Amino acid sequence: MPVDGEETAPWQLDAGVPQESLLSPIFFLFCKALLLEALDVLELYLSTLSIADEINLLVYIESTAVNCIALEAAHDKCLKWTSTHGMQFALQKYTLTHFT
């Protein structure tokens, strides 16, 4: 749209919400709700627990091999979701705890 009859070539604007912004927690709550909804898959025997900016995946199947398959499927779903929403996880913060 020209301003005062002048128009410039289009250019890309990189924008985001800094983590320390007051809007960041509100934005994250909306985004996180969508991710948790996407993970609501009963056939994976998957439960999610979310506290602040952390998301925990709990798989409860008696077979370790099936647990790993279910966790991998859930993780793939998380990565697909983040790529379609322009987000990313901090891989250095990943932790896997296996209880038998």
Protein backbone atom coordinates (compact mmCIF):
# COMPACT_ATOMS: atom_id res chain seq x y z
CA MET A 1 0.00 0.00 0.00
CA PRO A 2 1.59 3.28 -1.05
CA VAL A 3 2.22 6.00 1.53
CA ASP A 4 2.23 9.53 0.14
CA GLY A 5 2.35 8.00 -3.32
CA GLU A 6 5.59 6.11 -2.55
CA GLU A 7 5.89 2.34 -2.51
CA THR A 8 8.96 0.26 -1.68
CA ALA A 9 9.87 -3.26 -2.67
CA PRO A 10 8.49 -5.93 -0.36
CA TRP A 11 10.81 -7.22 2.38
CA GLN A 12 10.51 -9.96 4.96
CA LEU A 13 9.94 -9.02 8.57
CA ASP A 14 11.25 -11.45 11.19
CA ALA A 15 9.14 -11.07 14.32
CA GLY A 16 8.62 -12.99 17.51
CA VAL A 17 7.93 -12.66 21.19
CA PRO A 18 11.04 -12.58 23.42
CA GLN A 19 10.94 -15.10 26.26
CA GLU A 20 11.18 -12.33 28.87
CA SER A 21 8.22 -10.45 27.37
CA LEU A 22 5.03 -10.10 29.42
CA LEU A 23 3.15 -11.64 26.50
CA SER A 24 5.37 -14.73 26.37
CA PRO A 25 3.62 -16.78 29.11
CA ILE A 26 0.17 -16.03 27.70
CA PHE A 27 1.26 -16.90 24.17
CA PHE A 28 2.89 -20.11 25.40
CA LEU A 29 -0.25 -21.22 27.26
CA PHE A 30 -2.31 -20.97 24.07
CA CYS A 31 0.33 -22.79 22.03
CA LYS A 32 0.91 -25.45 24.67
CA ALA A 33 -2.81 -26.20 24.88
CA LEU A 34 -2.83 -26.94 21.15
CA LEU A 35 0.18 -29.26 21.48
CA LEU A 36 -1.31 -31.14 24.42
CA GLU A 37 -4.52 -31.56 22.45
CA ALA A 38 -2.54 -32.97 19.51
CA LEU A 39 -0.90 -35.49 21.86
CA ASP A 40 -4.24 -36.73 23.17
CA VAL A 41 -3.98 -40.14 21.49
CA LEU A 42 -5.44 -42.99 23.55
CA GLU A 43 -3.92 -45.80 21.49
CA LEU A 44 -0.42 -44.63 22.52
CA TYR A 45 -1.26 -45.09 26.23
CA LEU A 46 0.10 -41.59 26.64
CA SER A 47 -0.55 -39.07 29.37
CA THR A 48 0.76 -35.53 29.36
CA LEU A 49 1.67 -33.40 32.32
CA SER A 50 2.51 -29.77 31.87
CA ILE A 51 3.91 -27.38 34.44
CA ALA A 52 4.87 -23.84 33.40
CA ASP A 53 7.00 -24.21 30.27
CA GLU A 54 7.67 -27.93 30.65
CA ILE A 55 5.79 -30.73 28.96
CA ASN A 56 6.11 -34.28 30.27
CA LEU A 57 5.11 -37.38 28.36
CA LEU A 58 4.16 -40.46 30.37
CA VAL A 59 3.69 -43.80 28.64
CA TYR A 60 2.35 -46.67 30.69
CA ILE A 61 2.65 -50.01 28.93
CA GLU A 62 4.14 -53.18 30.43
CA SER A 63 6.63 -53.68 27.58
CA THR A 64 9.77 -51.55 27.40
CA ALA A 65 9.93 -51.99 23.63
CA VAL A 66 6.33 -50.81 23.18
CA ASN A 67 6.98 -47.89 25.56
CA CYS A 68 9.87 -46.78 23.37
CA ILE A 69 7.76 -47.04 20.22
CA ALA A 70 4.96 -45.02 21.82
CA LEU A 71 7.38 -42.35 23.09
CA GLU A 72 9.01 -42.11 19.67
CA ALA A 73 5.59 -41.68 18.00
CA ALA A 74 4.66 -38.96 20.53
CA HIS A 75 8.01 -37.23 20.05
CA ASP A 76 7.61 -37.31 16.25
CA LYS A 77 4.17 -35.75 16.70
CA CYS A 78 5.71 -33.02 18.90
CA LEU A 79 8.41 -32.24 16.33
CA LYS A 80 5.87 -32.13 13.50
CA TRP A 81 3.67 -29.80 15.56
CA THR A 82 6.56 -27.42 16.34
CA SER A 83 7.65 -27.26 12.71
CA THR A 84 4.15 -26.28 11.59
CA HIS A 85 3.88 -23.64 14.35
CA GLY A 86 7.32 -22.04 14.00
CA MET A 87 8.51 -23.24 17.40
CA GLN A 88 11.31 -25.45 18.65
CA PHE A 89 12.24 -27.46 21.73
CA ALA A 90 15.46 -27.00 23.70
CA LEU A 91 17.05 -30.38 23.00
CA GLN A 92 19.65 -29.87 25.75
CA LYS A 93 16.80 -29.92 28.30
CA TYR A 94 15.45 -33.34 27.29
CA THR A 95 15.43 -36.02 29.97
CA LEU A 96 14.28 -39.61 29.74
CA THR A 97 13.49 -41.44 32.97
CA HIS A 98 12.48 -45.07 32.72
CA PHE A 99 10.73 -46.75 35.66
CA THR A 100 10.16 -50.49 35.77
